[in-house]
């Protein structure tokens, strides 16, 4: 076998391999598109098709009760919780400010953060 024949044979094998890979990828893409058409239900369409229940008329207006929280008590509870989680005394801690943050993390993210924090202490 000459060098030219070997090079031609290698190029033909490469071409056939590329053709097989890309044809399988196209077939997978078509199958996934077909599965989306068959099994996926658009939530926007589902909401439009669902019958809308009319709310019952309210007899009396609902008054939201506002609860007032003692700031000193809240800071004491926060300090105690932090001291307990850090295994230290409350005298070693000083909370200067606090604010509530929304926790929109998924459960697996919360578990990972908790595991990381617990492994450090």
C-alpha atoms as a PDB file:
ATOM      1  CA  UNK A   1       0.000   0.000   0.000  1.00  0.00           C
ATOM      2  CA  UNK A   2       1.441   3.334  -1.006  1.00  0.00           C
ATOM      3  CA  UNK A   3       1.258   6.554   0.988  1.00  0.00           C
ATOM      4  CA  UNK A   4      -1.395   7.970  -1.311  1.00  0.00           C
ATOM      5  CA  UNK A   5      -3.584   4.887  -0.928  1.00  0.00           C
ATOM      6  CA  UNK A   6      -3.205   4.969   2.866  1.00  0.00           C
ATOM      7  CA  UNK A   7      -4.089   8.687   2.940  1.00  0.00           C
ATOM      8  CA  UNK A   8      -7.132   8.102   0.742  1.00  0.00           C
ATOM      9  CA  UNK A   9      -8.259   5.209   2.940  1.00  0.00           C
ATOM     10  CA  UNK A  10      -7.844   7.344   6.099  1.00  0.00           C
ATOM     11  CA  UNK A  11      -9.827  10.216   4.585  1.00  0.00           C
ATOM     12  CA  UNK A  12     -12.634   7.898   3.536  1.00  0.00           C
ATOM     13  CA  UNK A  13     -12.819   6.377   7.037  1.00  0.00           C
ATOM     14  CA  UNK A  14     -12.863   9.897   8.544  1.00  0.00           C
ATOM     15  CA  UNK A  15     -15.617  11.010   6.171  1.00  0.00           C
ATOM     16  CA  UNK A  16     -17.766   7.966   6.900  1.00  0.00           C
ATOM     17  CA  UNK A  17     -17.270   8.448  10.654  1.00  0.00           C
ATOM     18  CA  UNK A  18     -18.260  12.112  10.494  1.00  0.00           C
ATOM     19  CA  UNK A  19     -21.300  11.294   8.394  1.00  0.00           C
ATOM     20  CA  UNK A  20     -22.450   8.643  10.880  1.00  0.00           C
ATOM     21  CA  UNK A  21     -21.970  10.943  13.899  1.00  0.00           C
ATOM     22  CA  UNK A  22     -23.818  13.876  12.376  1.00  0.00           C
ATOM     23  CA  UNK A  23     -26.632  11.700  11.040  1.00  0.00           C
ATOM     24  CA  UNK A  24     -27.171  10.219  14.519  1.00  0.00           C
ATOM     25  CA  UNK A  25     -27.179  13.743  16.007  1.00  0.00           C
ATOM     26  CA  UNK A  26     -29.807  14.860  13.495  1.00  0.00           C
ATOM     27  CA  UNK A  27     -31.930  11.791  14.258  1.00  0.00           C
ATOM     28  CA  UNK A  28     -31.676  12.532  18.014  1.00  0.00           C
ATOM     29  CA  UNK A  29     -32.680  16.121  17.413  1.00  0.00           C
ATOM     30  CA  UNK A  30     -35.735  15.046  15.418  1.00  0.00           C
ATOM     31  CA  UNK A  31     -36.748  12.516  18.086  1.00  0.00           C
ATOM     32  CA  UNK A  32     -36.459  15.140  20.823  1.00  0.00           C
ATOM     33  CA  UNK A  33     -38.504  17.641  18.806  1.00  0.00           C
ATOM     34  CA  UNK A  34     -41.183  14.988  18.269  1.00  0.00           C
ATOM     35  CA  UNK A  35     -41.224  14.175  21.996  1.00  0.00           C
ATOM     36  CA  UNK A  36     -41.640  17.873  22.793  1.00  0.00           C
ATOM     37  CA  UNK A  37     -44.621  18.113  20.444  1.00  0.00           C
ATOM     38  CA  UNK A  38     -46.201  14.986  21.933  1.00  0.00           C
ATOM     39  CA  UNK A  39     -45.535  15.313  25.686  1.00  0.00           C
ATOM     40  CA  UNK A  40     -44.992  19.028  26.422  1.00  0.00           C
ATOM     41  CA  UNK A  41     -48.023  20.998  27.486  1.00  0.00           C
ATOM     42  CA  UNK A  42     -47.658  24.756  27.487  1.00  0.00           C
ATOM     43  CA  UNK A  43     -48.639  26.206  30.876  1.00  0.00           C
ATOM     44  CA  UNK A  44     -50.025  29.342  29.216  1.00  0.00           C
ATOM     45  CA  UNK A  45     -52.426  27.262  27.134  1.00  0.00           C
ATOM     46  CA  UNK A  46     -53.343  25.136  30.147  1.00  0.00           C
ATOM     47  CA  UNK A  47     -54.268  28.257  32.110  1.00  0.00           C
ATOM     48  CA  UNK A  48     -56.410  29.590  29.273  1.00  0.00           C
ATOM     49  CA  UNK A  49     -58.254  26.313  28.817  1.00  0.00           C
ATOM     50  CA  UNK A  50     -58.946  25.799  32.536  1.00  0.00           C
ATOM     51  CA  UNK A  51     -62.298  27.134  33.659  1.00  0.00           C
ATOM     52  CA  UNK A  52     -61.976  30.246  35.752  1.00  0.00           C
ATOM     53  CA  UNK A  53     -63.773  30.023  39.071  1.00  0.00           C
ATOM     54  CA  UNK A  54     -65.544  33.189  40.047  1.00  0.00           C
ATOM     55  CA  UNK A  55     -64.645  34.317  43.556  1.00  0.00           C
ATOM     56  CA  UNK A  56     -67.442  34.441  46.079  1.00  0.00           C
ATOM     57  CA  UNK A  57     -68.403  37.932  47.180  1.00  0.00           C
ATOM     58  CA  UNK A  58     -66.868  38.858  50.493  1.00  0.00           C
ATOM     59  CA  UNK A  59     -69.266  39.708  53.299  1.00  0.00           C
ATOM     60  CA  UNK A  60     -66.843  41.861  55.213  1.00  0.00           C
ATOM     61  CA  UNK A  61     -63.540  43.423  54.222  1.00  0.00           C
ATOM     62  CA  UNK A  62     -60.521  41.506  55.411  1.00  0.00           C
ATOM     63  CA  UNK A  63     -58.268  43.498  57.700  1.00  0.00           C
ATOM     64  CA  UNK A  64     -54.655  42.388  57.881  1.00  0.00           C
ATOM     65  CA  UNK A  65     -53.331  42.422  61.387  1.00  0.00           C
ATOM     66  CA  UNK A  66     -49.938  44.008  61.653  1.00  0.00           C
ATOM     67  CA  UNK A  67     -47.763  42.425  64.262  1.00  0.00           C
ATOM     68  CA  UNK A  68     -45.205  44.629  65.868  1.00  0.00           C
ATOM     69  CA  UNK A  69     -41.990  42.890  66.770  1.00  0.00           C
ATOM     70  CA  UNK A  70     -39.817  44.185  69.544  1.00  0.00           C
ATOM     71  CA  UNK A  71     -36.479  45.022  67.894  1.00  0.00           C
ATOM     72  CA  UNK A  72     -34.485  44.263  71.038  1.00  0.00           C
ATOM     73  CA  UNK A  73     -36.117  40.859  71.391  1.00  0.00           C
ATOM     74  CA  UNK A  74     -35.480  40.036  67.734  1.00  0.00           C
ATOM     75  CA  UNK A  75     -31.808  40.982  68.007  1.00  0.00           C
ATOM     76  CA  UNK A  76     -31.485  38.884  71.173  1.00  0.00           C
ATOM     77  CA  UNK A  77     -32.984  35.868  69.401  1.00  0.00           C
ATOM     78  CA  UNK A  78     -30.718  36.354  66.377  1.00  0.00           C
ATOM     79  CA  UNK A  79     -27.655  36.699  68.596  1.00  0.00           C
ATOM     80  CA  UNK A  80     -28.561  33.548  70.512  1.00  0.00           C
ATOM     81  CA  UNK A  81     -29.120  31.588  67.305  1.00  0.00           C
ATOM     82  CA  UNK A  82     -25.801  32.683  65.830  1.00  0.00           C
ATOM     83  CA  UNK A  83     -23.968  31.949  69.086  1.00  0.00           C
ATOM     84  CA  UNK A  84     -25.516  28.481  69.223  1.00  0.00           C
ATOM     85  CA  UNK A  85     -24.561  27.708  65.619  1.00  0.00           C
ATOM     86  CA  UNK A  86     -20.983  28.927  66.171  1.00  0.00           C
ATOM     87  CA  UNK A  87     -20.629  27.246  69.605  1.00  0.00           C
ATOM     88  CA  UNK A  88     -19.570  30.485  71.245  1.00  0.00           C
ATOM     89  CA  UNK A  89     -20.882  32.874  73.849  1.00  0.00           C
ATOM     90  CA  UNK A  90     -23.221  35.748  73.069  1.00  0.00           C
ATOM     91  CA  UNK A  91     -20.671  38.077  74.658  1.00  0.00           C
ATOM     92  CA  UNK A  92     -18.327  37.394  71.745  1.00  0.00           C
ATOM     93  CA  UNK A  93     -20.896  38.567  69.185  1.00  0.00           C
ATOM     94  CA  UNK A  94     -22.228  41.981  68.294  1.00  0.00           C
ATOM     95  CA  UNK A  95     -25.055  42.324  65.774  1.00  0.00           C
ATOM     96  CA  UNK A  96     -24.995  45.770  64.227  1.00  0.00           C
ATOM     97  CA  UNK A  97     -27.833  45.368  61.734  1.00  0.00           C
ATOM     98  CA  UNK A  98     -30.068  42.755  60.207  1.00  0.00           C
ATOM     99  CA  UNK A  99     -32.301  42.402  57.185  1.00  0.00           C
ATOM    100  CA  UNK A 100     -34.451  39.648  55.769  1.00  0.00           C
ATOM    101  CA  UNK A 101     -33.392  38.241  52.429  1.00  0.00           C
ATOM    102  CA  UNK A 102     -35.567  36.162  50.159  1.00  0.00           C
ATOM    103  CA  UNK A 103     -34.485  32.568  49.902  1.00  0.00           C
ATOM    104  CA  UNK A 104     -35.154  31.553  46.309  1.00  0.00           C
ATOM    105  CA  UNK A 105     -32.489  28.865  46.200  1.00  0.00           C
ATOM    106  CA  UNK A 106     -33.469  25.331  45.203  1.00  0.00           C
ATOM    107  CA  UNK A 107     -33.313  22.558  47.807  1.00  0.00           C
ATOM    108  CA  UNK A 108     -30.093  21.060  46.452  1.00  0.00           C
ATOM    109  CA  UNK A 109     -28.390  24.470  46.719  1.00  0.00           C
ATOM    110  CA  UNK A 110     -29.527  24.880  50.336  1.00  0.00           C
ATOM    111  CA  UNK A 111     -28.251  21.412  51.178  1.00  0.00           C
ATOM    112  CA  UNK A 112     -24.874  22.149  49.592  1.00  0.00           C
ATOM    113  CA  UNK A 113     -24.478  25.431  51.451  1.00  0.00           C
ATOM    114  CA  UNK A 114     -25.459  23.792  54.734  1.00  0.00           C
ATOM    115  CA  UNK A 115     -23.002  20.942  54.144  1.00  0.00           C
ATOM    116  CA  UNK A 116     -20.200  23.372  53.314  1.00  0.00           C
ATOM    117  CA  UNK A 117     -20.853  25.478  56.401  1.00  0.00           C
ATOM    118  CA  UNK A 118     -21.063  22.421  58.667  1.00  0.00           C
ATOM    119  CA  UNK A 119     -17.821  20.974  57.299  1.00  0.00           C
ATOM    120  CA  UNK A 120     -15.903  24.149  58.196  1.00  0.00           C
ATOM    121  CA  UNK A 121     -16.855  24.200  61.877  1.00  0.00           C
END
